N, C-alpha and C. Protein backbone atom coordinates (compact mmCIF):
# COMPACT_ATOMS: atom_id res chain seq x y z
N MET A 1 -222.66 -31.80 -38.61
CA MET A 1 -224.03 -31.45 -37.57
C MET A 1 -222.48 -31.27 -36.29
N PRO A 2 -223.01 -30.61 -35.32
CA PRO A 2 -221.59 -30.77 -33.91
C PRO A 2 -221.66 -32.45 -33.58
N ALA A 3 -220.37 -32.44 -33.17
CA ALA A 3 -220.07 -33.69 -32.59
C ALA A 3 -220.51 -34.15 -31.53
N ARG A 4 -221.01 -33.03 -30.98
CA ARG A 4 -222.16 -33.52 -29.36
C ARG A 4 -223.17 -34.31 -29.45
N PHE A 5 -223.50 -34.20 -31.46
CA PHE A 5 -225.09 -34.42 -31.38
C PHE A 5 -224.29 -36.74 -31.48
N ALA A 6 -223.22 -36.66 -31.95
CA ALA A 6 -222.91 -38.49 -32.02
C ALA A 6 -223.66 -38.86 -31.75
N PRO A 7 -223.08 -39.29 -30.89
CA PRO A 7 -224.43 -40.35 -29.49
C PRO A 7 -225.89 -40.53 -30.29
N ILE A 8 -226.79 -39.24 -30.01
CA ILE A 8 -228.07 -39.97 -30.33
C ILE A 8 -227.58 -39.82 -32.07
N LEU A 9 -227.11 -39.73 -33.78
CA LEU A 9 -226.87 -40.20 -34.43
C LEU A 9 -226.73 -41.16 -34.59
N PHE A 10 -225.69 -41.80 -34.17
CA PHE A 10 -225.11 -43.03 -33.97
C PHE A 10 -227.19 -43.90 -33.78
N GLY A 11 -227.70 -43.79 -31.99
CA GLY A 11 -228.79 -44.15 -31.49
C GLY A 11 -230.05 -43.84 -32.71
N ALA A 12 -229.43 -42.93 -33.66
CA ALA A 12 -230.57 -42.87 -34.61
C ALA A 12 -230.21 -43.92 -36.06
N LEU A 13 -229.06 -43.77 -35.81
CA LEU A 13 -228.62 -45.26 -38.26
C LEU A 13 -228.53 -46.78 -37.36
N LEU A 14 -227.58 -46.79 -36.04
CA LEU A 14 -228.10 -47.79 -35.58
C LEU A 14 -229.10 -48.78 -35.41
N SER A 15 -229.96 -47.98 -34.83
CA SER A 15 -231.75 -48.32 -34.23
C SER A 15 -233.01 -48.67 -35.48
N MET A 16 -232.11 -48.23 -36.75
CA MET A 16 -233.12 -47.83 -38.44
C MET A 16 -232.44 -48.60 -38.96
N ILE A 17 -230.95 -49.16 -39.39
CA ILE A 17 -230.76 -49.84 -39.81
C ILE A 17 -231.33 -51.74 -39.62
N MET A 18 -231.25 -51.64 -37.68
CA MET A 18 -231.77 -52.98 -37.27
C MET A 18 -232.77 -53.63 -37.65
N VAL A 19 -234.05 -52.14 -36.83
CA VAL A 19 -235.20 -52.74 -37.06
C VAL A 19 -235.11 -52.80 -39.27
N ALA A 20 -234.86 -51.91 -39.82
CA ALA A 20 -235.72 -52.73 -41.28
C ALA A 20 -234.95 -53.83 -41.63
N VAL A 21 -234.00 -53.71 -41.16
CA VAL A 21 -233.34 -55.87 -41.06
C VAL A 21 -234.32 -56.67 -40.72
N VAL A 22 -234.36 -56.68 -39.30
CA VAL A 22 -234.93 -57.35 -38.82
C VAL A 22 -236.62 -57.68 -39.75
N THR A 23 -237.04 -55.78 -39.58
CA THR A 23 -238.14 -56.11 -39.14
C THR A 23 -239.13 -57.22 -40.80
N ALA A 24 -237.50 -56.63 -41.55
CA ALA A 24 -238.14 -57.52 -43.02
C ALA A 24 -237.97 -59.30 -43.15
N PHE A 25 -236.31 -59.49 -42.70
CA PHE A 25 -236.97 -60.33 -42.09
C PHE A 25 -237.86 -61.35 -41.62
N VAL A 26 -238.04 -60.99 -40.31
CA VAL A 26 -239.62 -62.06 -39.57
C VAL A 26 -240.81 -61.86 -40.60
N LEU A 27 -240.92 -60.93 -41.12
CA LEU A 27 -242.02 -60.81 -41.69
C LEU A 27 -241.71 -62.04 -42.95
N ALA A 28 -240.75 -61.72 -43.78
CA ALA A 28 -240.81 -62.62 -44.66
C ALA A 28 -240.39 -64.27 -44.30
N ILE A 29 -240.14 -64.51 -42.46
CA ILE A 29 -240.45 -65.80 -42.69
C ILE A 29 -241.40 -66.32 -42.52
N ASN A 30 -242.42 -65.59 -41.34
CA ASN A 30 -243.45 -66.06 -41.06
C ASN A 30 -244.71 -65.14 -41.82
N GLN A 31 -244.88 -64.87 -43.08
CA GLN A 31 -245.37 -64.39 -44.58
C GLN A 31 -245.27 -64.18 -45.37
N GLY A 32 -243.68 -64.92 -46.00
CA GLY A 32 -242.93 -64.69 -46.48
C GLY A 32 -243.11 -63.72 -47.51
N LEU A 33 -243.05 -63.17 -48.62
CA LEU A 33 -242.65 -62.09 -49.48
C LEU A 33 -244.26 -62.03 -51.22
N HIS A 34 -244.87 -61.55 -50.26
CA HIS A 34 -246.30 -60.85 -50.87
C HIS A 34 -246.61 -59.71 -51.39
N PRO A 35 -248.20 -59.74 -52.31
CA PRO A 35 -247.65 -58.00 -52.92
C PRO A 35 -248.30 -56.75 -51.72
N GLY A 36 -248.43 -57.33 -50.62
CA GLY A 36 -248.44 -56.67 -49.56
C GLY A 36 -247.44 -56.16 -48.46
N PHE A 37 -246.59 -57.31 -48.86
CA PHE A 37 -244.95 -57.21 -47.74
C PHE A 37 -244.67 -55.50 -47.68
N PHE A 38 -243.77 -54.46 -48.37
CA PHE A 38 -243.36 -53.57 -48.66
C PHE A 38 -244.23 -52.42 -47.27
N ALA A 39 -245.76 -52.41 -48.10
CA ALA A 39 -245.72 -51.44 -46.54
C ALA A 39 -246.54 -52.27 -45.63
N GLN A 40 -246.71 -53.64 -44.77
CA GLN A 40 -246.50 -54.23 -43.90
C GLN A 40 -245.25 -53.84 -43.13
N TRP A 41 -244.06 -54.30 -44.34
CA TRP A 41 -242.11 -54.21 -43.52
C TRP A 41 -242.85 -52.93 -43.65
N SER A 42 -242.68 -51.67 -44.34
CA SER A 42 -242.46 -50.54 -44.55
C SER A 42 -243.63 -49.89 -42.92
N LYS A 43 -245.59 -50.41 -42.10
CA LYS A 43 -245.50 -50.03 -40.92
C LYS A 43 -244.97 -50.54 -39.28
N SER A 44 -244.54 -51.86 -39.95
CA SER A 44 -243.40 -52.45 -38.79
C SER A 44 -242.10 -51.92 -38.08
N CYS A 45 -241.71 -50.80 -39.43
CA CYS A 45 -240.37 -49.99 -38.96
C CYS A 45 -241.18 -48.91 -38.28
N MET A 46 -242.01 -48.29 -38.64
CA MET A 46 -242.28 -47.77 -38.18
C MET A 46 -243.29 -47.44 -36.81
N THR A 47 -243.63 -48.24 -36.56
CA THR A 47 -244.18 -48.93 -34.63
C THR A 47 -243.64 -49.16 -34.65
N THR A 48 -242.24 -49.82 -35.02
CA THR A 48 -240.98 -50.91 -34.43
C THR A 48 -239.77 -49.39 -33.98
N TRP A 49 -239.61 -48.89 -34.68
CA TRP A 49 -238.04 -47.55 -34.75
C TRP A 49 -237.70 -47.50 -33.31
N PRO A 50 -239.15 -46.80 -33.17
CA PRO A 50 -239.75 -45.51 -32.24
C PRO A 50 -238.44 -45.86 -30.48
N MET A 51 -239.52 -47.26 -29.84
CA MET A 51 -239.02 -48.12 -29.00
C MET A 51 -237.62 -48.39 -29.25
N ALA A 52 -236.89 -49.34 -30.23
CA ALA A 52 -235.06 -50.17 -31.03
C ALA A 52 -234.88 -48.11 -29.86
N PHE A 53 -234.93 -46.79 -31.03
CA PHE A 53 -233.77 -45.89 -31.30
C PHE A 53 -233.72 -45.26 -29.37
N VAL A 54 -234.62 -45.51 -28.90
CA VAL A 54 -234.34 -45.67 -27.07
C VAL A 54 -234.08 -46.14 -27.04
N THR A 55 -234.05 -47.42 -26.65
CA THR A 55 -232.45 -48.86 -26.28
C THR A 55 -231.71 -48.68 -26.67
N VAL A 56 -231.96 -48.74 -28.41
CA VAL A 56 -230.59 -48.53 -28.05
C VAL A 56 -230.02 -46.81 -27.71
N THR A 57 -230.45 -45.56 -27.32
CA THR A 57 -229.74 -45.16 -26.30
C THR A 57 -229.50 -44.54 -25.83
N ILE A 58 -230.02 -45.54 -25.14
CA ILE A 58 -229.58 -45.34 -23.68
C ILE A 58 -229.14 -46.86 -23.11
N VAL A 59 -229.48 -48.23 -23.70
CA VAL A 59 -228.38 -49.41 -24.19
C VAL A 59 -226.75 -49.34 -23.59
N ALA A 60 -226.70 -48.52 -25.10
CA ALA A 60 -225.56 -48.80 -25.66
C ALA A 60 -224.16 -47.81 -24.91
N PRO A 61 -224.14 -46.75 -23.87
CA PRO A 61 -223.58 -46.26 -23.38
C PRO A 61 -222.51 -47.42 -22.40
N LEU A 62 -223.61 -48.04 -21.32
CA LEU A 62 -223.79 -49.21 -20.82
C LEU A 62 -223.35 -50.01 -21.32
N VAL A 63 -223.21 -51.04 -22.26
CA VAL A 63 -222.90 -51.62 -23.16
C VAL A 63 -221.95 -51.80 -23.80
N ARG A 64 -221.06 -50.62 -23.90
CA ARG A 64 -219.24 -50.04 -23.52
C ARG A 64 -219.12 -49.96 -22.27
N LYS A 65 -219.21 -48.84 -21.43
CA LYS A 65 -218.57 -49.01 -20.30
C LYS A 65 -218.30 -51.51 -20.14
N ALA A 66 -219.96 -52.01 -19.61
CA ALA A 66 -219.31 -53.17 -19.57
C ALA A 66 -218.62 -54.19 -20.70
N VAL A 67 -218.42 -53.76 -21.57
CA VAL A 67 -216.82 -53.91 -22.96
C VAL A 67 -216.19 -54.16 -22.43
N SER A 68 -215.99 -52.72 -21.75
CA SER A 68 -213.96 -51.97 -21.58
C SER A 68 -213.82 -52.95 -20.50
N LYS A 69 -215.28 -52.65 -19.14
CA LYS A 69 -214.40 -53.29 -18.17
C LYS A 69 -214.04 -55.14 -18.68
N VAL A 70 -214.81 -55.80 -20.00
CA VAL A 70 -214.12 -57.23 -19.58
C VAL A 70 -212.88 -57.06 -20.77
N THR A 71 -212.44 -56.67 -21.46
CA THR A 71 -211.51 -56.62 -22.74
C THR A 71 -210.26 -55.82 -21.99
N GLY A 72 -210.78 -54.40 -21.29
CA GLY A 72 -209.42 -54.12 -20.43
C GLY A 72 -209.45 -54.11 -18.71
């Protein structure tokens, strides 16, 4: 994959991982582990991930700049 796609790939992977972890945690806390857990978790991930992907892709460069200003 060409390096110019690195920010998009970064956003996709980071948002997928975060959505998977957070939705599983919230679902388990609120409803416990139950027979339909995996199906409900999958649906939650699929409906949440597009928003997370867009947010991470837009916000990550801004956060990097803010961190650079604070630490540099």
